[in-house]
N, C-alpha and C. Protein backbone atom coordinates (compact mmCIF):
# COMPACT_ATOMS: atom_id res chain seq x y z
N UNK A 1 -44.02 75.99 35.95
CA UNK A 1 -42.84 75.21 36.51
C UNK A 1 -43.06 74.05 37.39
N UNK A 2 -44.42 74.21 38.11
CA UNK A 2 -44.61 73.33 39.24
C UNK A 2 -45.50 72.47 38.13
N UNK A 3 -46.32 72.65 37.24
CA UNK A 3 -46.91 71.64 36.21
C UNK A 3 -46.19 70.73 35.96
N UNK A 4 -44.71 71.18 35.36
CA UNK A 4 -43.60 70.51 34.53
C UNK A 4 -43.00 69.19 35.95
N UNK A 5 -42.87 70.19 36.88
CA UNK A 5 -42.55 69.35 38.21
C UNK A 5 -43.52 67.83 38.45
N UNK A 6 -44.33 68.31 38.57
CA UNK A 6 -45.54 67.66 38.85
C UNK A 6 -45.83 66.29 37.97
N UNK A 7 -45.56 66.69 36.73
CA UNK A 7 -45.85 65.67 35.62
C UNK A 7 -44.61 64.78 35.47
N UNK A 8 -43.16 65.35 35.82
CA UNK A 8 -42.09 64.62 35.85
C UNK A 8 -42.15 63.69 37.24
N UNK A 9 -42.42 63.98 38.30
CA UNK A 9 -42.89 63.53 39.42
C UNK A 9 -43.97 62.11 39.02
N UNK A 10 -44.94 62.56 38.44
CA UNK A 10 -46.01 61.43 38.20
C UNK A 10 -45.18 60.46 37.28
N UNK A 11 -44.92 60.95 36.15
CA UNK A 11 -44.12 60.09 35.28
C UNK A 11 -43.09 59.01 35.95
N UNK A 12 -42.42 59.57 36.95
CA UNK A 12 -41.47 58.88 37.54
C UNK A 12 -42.17 57.75 38.26
N UNK A 13 -43.19 58.10 39.14
CA UNK A 13 -43.92 57.20 40.00
C UNK A 13 -44.44 55.96 39.07
N UNK A 14 -45.06 56.25 38.01
CA UNK A 14 -45.79 55.38 37.25
C UNK A 14 -44.45 54.50 36.59
N UNK A 15 -43.43 54.99 36.22
CA UNK A 15 -42.58 54.14 35.79
C UNK A 15 -42.06 53.21 36.78
N UNK A 16 -41.70 53.80 37.78
CA UNK A 16 -41.41 53.21 38.99
C UNK A 16 -42.15 51.73 39.15
N UNK A 17 -43.65 52.28 39.18
CA UNK A 17 -44.81 51.31 39.63
C UNK A 17 -44.61 49.95 38.37
N UNK A 18 -44.56 50.60 37.21
CA UNK A 18 -44.32 49.59 36.07
C UNK A 18 -43.24 48.74 36.12
N UNK A 19 -42.33 49.40 36.75
CA UNK A 19 -40.80 48.37 36.41
C UNK A 19 -41.11 47.14 37.78
N UNK A 20 -41.72 47.65 38.72
CA UNK A 20 -41.95 46.79 39.92
C UNK A 20 -42.75 45.66 39.50
N UNK A 21 -43.83 46.00 38.96
CA UNK A 21 -44.67 44.87 38.18
C UNK A 21 -44.20 44.05 37.24
N UNK A 22 -43.12 44.68 36.34
CA UNK A 22 -42.51 43.67 35.56
C UNK A 22 -41.58 42.88 36.15
N UNK A 23 -40.91 43.60 36.85
CA UNK A 23 -39.95 42.59 37.88
C UNK A 23 -40.69 41.30 38.39
N UNK A 24 -41.96 41.76 39.26
CA UNK A 24 -42.61 40.83 39.83
C UNK A 24 -43.03 39.61 38.95
N UNK A 25 -43.34 39.93 37.54
CA UNK A 25 -43.77 39.04 36.71
C UNK A 25 -42.47 37.95 36.10
N UNK A 26 -40.93 38.62 36.33
CA UNK A 26 -40.27 37.73 35.66
C UNK A 26 -39.55 36.73 36.56
N UNK A 27 -40.35 36.91 37.93
CA UNK A 27 -40.23 35.76 39.03
C UNK A 27 -41.00 34.69 38.72
N UNK A 28 -40.46 33.38 38.44
CA UNK A 28 -41.63 32.14 38.19
C UNK A 28 -42.25 31.98 39.62
N UNK A 29 -43.28 31.59 39.42
CA UNK A 29 -44.24 31.15 40.70
C UNK A 29 -43.37 29.45 41.27
N UNK A 30 -43.38 29.44 42.45
CA UNK A 30 -42.77 28.24 42.50
C UNK A 30 -43.69 27.07 43.07
N UNK A 31 -43.28 26.03 43.06
CA UNK A 31 -44.40 24.93 43.06
C UNK A 31 -44.13 24.41 44.63
N UNK A 32 -44.87 23.89 45.20
CA UNK A 32 -44.75 23.53 46.45
C UNK A 32 -43.38 23.04 47.04
N UNK A 33 -43.00 21.93 46.01
CA UNK A 33 -41.88 21.16 46.41
C UNK A 33 -40.39 21.97 46.20
N UNK A 34 -40.70 22.91 45.71
CA UNK A 34 -39.44 24.13 45.49
C UNK A 34 -39.40 24.96 46.61
N UNK A 35 -40.06 24.76 47.56
CA UNK A 35 -40.01 25.79 48.72
C UNK A 35 -39.24 25.18 49.84
N UNK A 36 -38.35 25.53 50.24
CA UNK A 36 -37.58 24.59 51.21
C UNK A 36 -38.36 25.04 52.87
N UNK A 37 -38.76 24.03 53.33
CA UNK A 37 -39.19 23.99 54.59
C UNK A 37 -38.82 24.63 56.04
N UNK A 38 -37.15 24.50 55.65
CA UNK A 38 -36.62 25.05 56.75
C UNK A 38 -36.30 26.54 56.91
N UNK A 39 -36.15 27.06 55.42
CA UNK A 39 -35.72 28.40 55.41
C UNK A 39 -37.09 29.28 54.81
N UNK A 40 -38.12 28.30 54.11
CA UNK A 40 -39.09 29.40 53.92
C UNK A 40 -38.70 29.83 52.55
N UNK A 41 -37.72 30.00 51.84
CA UNK A 41 -37.17 30.42 50.69
C UNK A 41 -36.98 31.91 51.04
N UNK A 42 -36.83 32.44 52.21
CA UNK A 42 -36.80 33.94 52.90
C UNK A 42 -35.13 34.22 52.68
N UNK A 43 -34.91 35.13 51.95
CA UNK A 43 -33.55 35.72 51.48
C UNK A 43 -32.55 35.54 52.93
N UNK A 44 -33.14 36.30 54.11
CA UNK A 44 -32.49 36.24 55.23
C UNK A 44 -32.11 34.79 55.88
N UNK A 45 -33.10 34.12 55.99
CA UNK A 45 -32.84 32.84 56.60
C UNK A 45 -31.93 31.83 55.64
N UNK A 46 -32.04 32.18 54.31
CA UNK A 46 -31.01 31.32 53.31
C UNK A 46 -29.76 31.80 53.55
N UNK A 47 -29.51 33.22 53.43
CA UNK A 47 -28.08 33.98 54.04
C UNK A 47 -27.88 33.16 55.16
N UNK A 48 -28.47 33.26 56.33
CA UNK A 48 -28.11 32.57 57.62
C UNK A 48 -27.47 31.24 57.53
N UNK A 49 -28.25 30.29 56.80
CA UNK A 49 -27.87 29.11 56.41
C UNK A 49 -26.54 29.13 55.81
N UNK A 50 -26.07 30.01 55.25
CA UNK A 50 -24.72 30.04 54.61
C UNK A 50 -24.96 29.91 53.04
N UNK A 51 -25.68 29.96 52.57
CA UNK A 51 -26.27 29.79 51.21
C UNK A 51 -26.15 31.29 50.58
N UNK A 52 -26.10 31.10 48.92
CA UNK A 52 -26.08 32.29 48.54
C UNK A 52 -27.49 32.26 47.72
N UNK A 53 -27.69 31.20 47.13
CA UNK A 53 -29.01 31.31 46.50
C UNK A 53 -29.72 29.60 46.24
N UNK A 54 -30.88 29.61 46.13
CA UNK A 54 -31.74 28.41 45.40
C UNK A 54 -31.59 28.16 43.89
N UNK A 55 -31.57 29.44 43.53
CA UNK A 55 -31.19 29.54 42.14
C UNK A 55 -32.48 30.61 41.58
N UNK A 56 -32.47 30.69 40.30
CA UNK A 56 -31.66 29.95 39.20
C UNK A 56 -30.22 30.79 39.47
N UNK A 57 -29.14 29.67 38.91
CA UNK A 57 -27.92 30.03 38.80
C UNK A 57 -27.03 29.39 37.57
N UNK A 58 -25.95 30.09 37.44
CA UNK A 58 -25.30 29.48 36.19
C UNK A 58 -24.96 27.83 36.35
N UNK A 59 -24.93 27.01 35.32
CA UNK A 59 -24.90 25.81 35.45
C UNK A 59 -23.92 25.49 34.27
N UNK A 60 -22.45 25.01 34.78
CA UNK A 60 -21.49 24.91 33.94
C UNK A 60 -20.61 26.37 33.34
N UNK A 61 -19.60 26.46 32.88
CA UNK A 61 -19.05 27.61 32.31
C UNK A 61 -18.28 27.31 31.30
N UNK A 62 -18.00 26.20 30.49
CA UNK A 62 -17.21 26.18 29.45
C UNK A 62 -17.55 26.52 28.13
N UNK A 63 -18.90 26.18 28.03
CA UNK A 63 -19.45 26.80 26.66
C UNK A 63 -19.97 28.15 26.56
N UNK A 64 -19.79 28.51 25.20
CA UNK A 64 -19.80 30.14 24.92
C UNK A 64 -21.47 30.20 25.41
N UNK A 65 -22.49 29.52 25.10
CA UNK A 65 -23.81 29.61 25.34
C UNK A 65 -24.09 29.18 26.80
N UNK A 66 -23.91 30.17 27.85
CA UNK A 66 -24.22 29.58 29.08
C UNK A 66 -25.50 29.15 29.48
N UNK A 67 -25.50 27.91 30.40
CA UNK A 67 -26.74 27.67 30.69
C UNK A 67 -27.01 27.91 32.20
N UNK A 68 -28.46 28.07 32.59
CA UNK A 68 -28.64 28.02 33.96
C UNK A 68 -29.38 27.04 34.61
N UNK A 69 -29.39 26.87 35.79
CA UNK A 69 -30.29 25.93 36.45
C UNK A 69 -31.62 25.90 36.01
N UNK A 70 -32.23 27.16 35.83
CA UNK A 70 -33.55 27.43 35.11
C UNK A 70 -33.76 26.45 33.96
N UNK A 71 -32.42 26.50 32.94
CA UNK A 71 -32.58 25.80 31.46
C UNK A 71 -32.56 24.23 31.78
N UNK A 72 -31.84 23.92 32.79
CA UNK A 72 -31.90 22.43 33.29
C UNK A 72 -33.30 22.12 33.60
N UNK A 73 -34.01 22.73 34.47
CA UNK A 73 -35.38 22.58 34.83
C UNK A 73 -36.13 22.63 33.90
N UNK A 74 -35.97 23.12 33.00
CA UNK A 74 -37.18 23.38 31.41
C UNK A 74 -36.58 21.97 30.86
N UNK A 75 -35.48 21.61 30.83
CA UNK A 75 -34.98 20.41 29.95
C UNK A 75 -35.52 19.28 30.59
N UNK A 76 -35.34 19.17 31.74
CA UNK A 76 -35.71 17.78 32.78
C UNK A 76 -36.91 18.14 33.55
N UNK A 77 -38.12 18.61 32.83
CA UNK A 77 -39.17 19.00 33.67
C UNK A 77 -40.17 17.73 34.45
N UNK A 78 -39.58 16.71 34.10
CA UNK A 78 -40.26 15.68 34.30
C UNK A 78 -39.56 15.44 36.14
N UNK A 79 -38.42 15.92 36.18
CA UNK A 79 -37.60 15.59 37.62
C UNK A 79 -37.44 16.77 38.40
N UNK A 80 -37.54 16.63 39.68
CA UNK A 80 -37.81 17.41 40.61
C UNK A 80 -36.30 17.77 41.45
N UNK A 81 -35.66 18.75 40.63
CA UNK A 81 -34.12 18.82 41.26
C UNK A 81 -33.88 20.10 42.26
N UNK A 82 -33.56 19.89 43.23
CA UNK A 82 -33.29 20.86 44.26
C UNK A 82 -32.08 21.65 44.15
N UNK A 83 -31.99 23.07 44.09
CA UNK A 83 -30.67 23.51 44.00
C UNK A 83 -30.35 24.23 45.04
N UNK A 84 -28.80 24.42 45.30
CA UNK A 84 -28.43 25.26 46.24
C UNK A 84 -27.05 25.83 45.80
N UNK A 85 -26.87 27.06 46.04
CA UNK A 85 -25.49 27.38 45.97
C UNK A 85 -24.75 28.15 47.46
N UNK A 86 -24.00 27.23 47.76
CA UNK A 86 -22.96 27.67 48.99
C UNK A 86 -22.07 28.67 48.58
N UNK A 87 -21.07 28.90 49.43
CA UNK A 87 -19.88 29.92 49.21
C UNK A 87 -18.62 29.24 48.41
N UNK A 88 -18.85 27.77 48.25
CA UNK A 88 -17.90 27.08 47.23
C UNK A 88 -18.65 26.06 46.19
N UNK A 89 -19.85 25.80 46.63
CA UNK A 89 -20.45 24.75 45.48
C UNK A 89 -21.91 25.32 45.01
N UNK A 90 -22.09 24.41 43.73
CA UNK A 90 -23.56 24.52 43.25
C UNK A 90 -23.69 23.30 43.26
N UNK A 91 -25.03 22.91 44.03
CA UNK A 91 -25.34 21.63 44.29
C UNK A 91 -26.62 21.66 43.40
N UNK A 92 -27.02 20.56 42.60
CA UNK A 92 -28.18 20.24 42.35
C UNK A 92 -28.33 18.63 42.65
N UNK A 93 -29.82 18.46 43.29
CA UNK A 93 -29.92 17.12 43.87
C UNK A 93 -31.25 16.49 43.56
N UNK A 94 -31.76 15.37 43.36
CA UNK A 94 -33.04 14.81 43.17
C UNK A 94 -33.20 13.60 43.92
N UNK A 95 -33.33 13.61 45.34
CA UNK A 95 -32.77 12.55 46.05
C UNK A 95 -34.23 12.31 46.77
N UNK A 96 -34.71 10.96 46.98
CA UNK A 96 -36.02 10.66 47.68
C UNK A 96 -36.02 10.70 49.20
N UNK A 97 -36.80 10.86 49.74
CA UNK A 97 -36.92 10.52 51.36
C UNK A 97 -36.14 9.35 51.79
N UNK A 98 -35.60 9.33 52.54
CA UNK A 98 -34.51 8.46 53.16
C UNK A 98 -34.70 8.02 54.70
N UNK A 99 -34.75 6.83 55.00
CA UNK A 99 -35.15 6.15 56.13
C UNK A 99 -33.62 6.38 56.96
N UNK A 100 -33.48 6.82 58.13
CA UNK A 100 -32.65 6.94 58.77
C UNK A 100 -32.06 5.44 59.67
N UNK A 101 -31.02 4.71 59.23
CA UNK A 101 -30.88 3.59 59.69
C UNK A 101 -31.01 3.21 61.21
N UNK A 102 -31.21 2.19 61.53
CA UNK A 102 -31.12 2.01 63.07
C UNK A 102 -29.99 1.67 63.48
N UNK A 103 -28.87 1.47 62.64
CA UNK A 103 -27.57 1.15 63.02
C UNK A 103 -26.92 2.29 63.90
N UNK A 104 -26.63 2.00 64.96
CA UNK A 104 -26.14 2.88 65.92
C UNK A 104 -25.07 3.76 65.57
N UNK A 105 -23.99 3.49 64.80
CA UNK A 105 -23.16 4.33 64.24
C UNK A 105 -23.28 5.41 63.48
N UNK A 106 -24.07 4.76 61.98
CA UNK A 106 -24.74 5.95 61.19
C UNK A 106 -25.88 6.52 62.03
N UNK A 107 -26.64 6.29 62.71
CA UNK A 107 -27.66 6.87 63.14
C UNK A 107 -27.19 8.08 64.14
N UNK A 108 -26.03 7.83 64.98
CA UNK A 108 -25.39 8.62 65.74
C UNK A 108 -24.70 9.76 65.06
N UNK A 109 -23.91 9.53 63.88
CA UNK A 109 -23.42 10.15 63.05
C UNK A 109 -24.25 11.46 62.42
N UNK A 110 -25.51 11.03 61.67
CA UNK A 110 -26.38 11.66 61.14
C UNK A 110 -26.85 12.76 62.40
N UNK A 111 -27.23 12.25 63.50
CA UNK A 111 -27.90 13.16 64.53
C UNK A 111 -26.72 14.25 64.97
N UNK A 112 -25.66 13.65 64.92
CA UNK A 112 -24.39 14.75 65.27
C UNK A 112 -24.62 15.99 64.29
N UNK A 113 -24.34 15.40 62.81
CA UNK A 113 -24.64 16.36 62.09
C UNK A 113 -25.84 17.36 61.91
N UNK A 114 -26.72 16.84 62.19
CA UNK A 114 -28.08 17.69 62.26
C UNK A 114 -28.26 18.27 63.39
N UNK A 115 -27.55 17.80 64.66
CA UNK A 115 -27.54 18.87 65.52
C UNK A 115 -26.58 20.18 65.33
N UNK A 116 -25.62 19.70 64.73
CA UNK A 116 -24.60 20.92 64.12
C UNK A 116 -25.63 22.20 63.15
N UNK A 117 -26.01 21.12 62.43
CA UNK A 117 -26.77 22.39 61.46
C UNK A 117 -27.87 22.54 61.85
N UNK A 118 -28.55 22.67 62.99
CA UNK A 118 -29.60 23.27 63.74
C UNK A 118 -29.30 24.48 64.10
N UNK A 119 -28.07 24.82 64.40
CA UNK A 119 -27.53 26.09 64.64
C UNK A 119 -27.85 27.03 63.53
N UNK A 120 -27.87 26.68 62.54
CA UNK A 120 -28.14 27.89 61.27
C UNK A 120 -29.49 27.48 60.70
N UNK A 121 -29.94 26.26 60.75
CA UNK A 121 -31.24 26.07 60.24
C UNK A 121 -32.33 25.49 61.48
N UNK A 122 -32.63 26.28 62.31
CA UNK A 122 -33.31 26.36 63.74
C UNK A 122 -34.71 24.95 63.43
N UNK A 123 -35.12 24.95 62.14
CA UNK A 123 -36.31 23.71 62.25
C UNK A 123 -36.00 22.39 62.21
N UNK A 124 -34.64 22.07 61.97
CA UNK A 124 -34.30 20.76 61.84
C UNK A 124 -34.58 19.97 63.21
N UNK A 125 -34.75 18.84 63.15
CA UNK A 125 -35.07 17.67 64.28
C UNK A 125 -33.69 17.09 64.24
N UNK A 126 -32.76 17.01 65.11
CA UNK A 126 -31.87 16.04 65.02
C UNK A 126 -32.09 14.57 65.35
N UNK A 127 -33.32 14.29 65.55
CA UNK A 127 -33.69 13.13 66.25
C UNK A 127 -34.54 12.56 64.89
N UNK A 128 -34.77 13.10 64.10
CA UNK A 128 -35.84 12.66 62.84
C UNK A 128 -35.46 10.95 62.34
N UNK A 129 -36.27 10.27 62.01
CA UNK A 129 -36.34 9.16 61.54
C UNK A 129 -36.17 8.91 59.95
N UNK A 130 -36.36 10.21 59.38
CA UNK A 130 -36.44 10.16 57.78
C UNK A 130 -35.91 11.56 57.36
N UNK A 131 -34.82 11.64 56.58
CA UNK A 131 -34.71 12.65 55.86
C UNK A 131 -35.32 12.85 54.55
N UNK A 132 -35.99 14.03 54.54
CA UNK A 132 -36.81 14.62 53.25
C UNK A 132 -35.82 15.17 52.27
N UNK A 133 -36.17 15.36 50.93
CA UNK A 133 -35.36 15.84 49.98
C UNK A 133 -34.58 16.97 50.23
N UNK A 134 -35.05 18.04 51.18
CA UNK A 134 -34.68 19.32 51.33
C UNK A 134 -33.66 18.94 52.63
N UNK A 135 -33.88 18.23 53.43
CA UNK A 135 -32.97 17.97 54.45
C UNK A 135 -31.51 17.06 53.94
N UNK A 136 -31.87 16.22 53.04
CA UNK A 136 -30.70 15.40 52.22
C UNK A 136 -29.68 16.82 51.36
N UNK A 137 -30.35 17.54 51.10
CA UNK A 137 -29.86 18.89 50.19
C UNK A 137 -28.94 19.54 51.03
N UNK A 138 -29.62 19.90 52.40
CA UNK A 138 -28.95 20.45 53.24
C UNK A 138 -27.47 19.97 53.99
N UNK A 139 -27.69 18.57 54.44
CA UNK A 139 -26.90 17.46 54.73
C UNK A 139 -25.56 17.38 53.56
N UNK A 140 -26.03 17.41 52.29
CA UNK A 140 -25.24 17.42 51.31
C UNK A 140 -24.24 18.69 51.43
N UNK A 141 -24.79 19.82 51.52
CA UNK A 141 -24.31 21.16 51.30
C UNK A 141 -23.42 21.05 52.55
N UNK A 142 -23.81 20.67 53.58
CA UNK A 142 -23.11 21.07 55.22
C UNK A 142 -21.75 19.95 54.67
N UNK A 143 -21.89 18.81 54.50
CA UNK A 143 -20.50 17.62 54.50
C UNK A 143 -19.50 18.35 53.43
N UNK A 144 -20.10 19.12 52.23
CA UNK A 144 -19.17 19.71 51.07
C UNK A 144 -18.56 20.75 51.80
N UNK A 145 -19.14 21.50 52.39
CA UNK A 145 -18.53 22.78 53.01
C UNK A 145 -17.40 22.53 54.06
N UNK A 146 -17.86 21.56 54.83
CA UNK A 146 -17.22 21.00 55.89
C UNK A 146 -15.68 20.33 55.40
N UNK A 147 -16.15 19.43 54.37
CA UNK A 147 -15.16 18.88 53.49
C UNK A 147 -14.10 19.87 52.84
N UNK A 148 -14.55 21.10 52.50
CA UNK A 148 -13.66 22.20 51.82
C UNK A 148 -13.02 22.79 52.99
N UNK A 149 -13.53 23.30 54.06
CA UNK A 149 -12.74 23.56 55.12
C UNK A 149 -11.62 22.76 55.34
N UNK A 150 -11.65 21.45 55.83
CA UNK A 150 -10.97 20.56 56.15
C UNK A 150 -9.81 20.64 55.13
N UNK A 151 -10.06 20.65 53.87
CA UNK A 151 -9.15 20.48 52.97
C UNK A 151 -8.46 21.72 53.01
N UNK A 152 -8.82 22.85 52.90
CA UNK A 152 -7.79 24.07 53.15
C UNK A 152 -7.22 24.11 54.27
N UNK A 153 -7.74 23.75 55.35
CA UNK A 153 -6.96 23.29 56.52
C UNK A 153 -5.68 22.81 56.43
N UNK A 154 -5.54 21.50 55.64
CA UNK A 154 -4.56 20.64 55.38
C UNK A 154 -3.71 21.23 54.39
N UNK A 155 -4.20 22.15 53.45
CA UNK A 155 -3.43 22.72 52.47
C UNK A 155 -2.82 24.36 52.93
N UNK A 156 -3.10 24.54 53.88
CA UNK A 156 -2.76 25.80 54.77
C UNK A 156 -3.46 27.29 54.20
């Protein structure tokens, strides 16, 4: 009886180790540009920023053969698309670095938004002169969620 129990436990441990190894292989290795410098793609920091995931996630839902963001990435492998899913939106963006204008009104608006975002993404520098692709994605997500909240407030 103890030999049988020992074999069952050994078999269960081996199966568990094999399953863990296979699931680790399923996750594709991310390239440097796919790693968010503000969250380091850490699940707790992603959630703290108010995000669901950086992908893969469903893309569109009207076709019988549902596509994912991973499918889009394979199809457009020459394009570096950053993905984020917030509570209400799925956003794919491929924008280059952008210089913050010196014009005071725009500069102050962006600084104000970055200061607000800094509460959930501590690595943000509100006084930055350049918005890198990841920061532009975060700013887009922030603006869309803010607009969603304002719209819901208007409609009650």
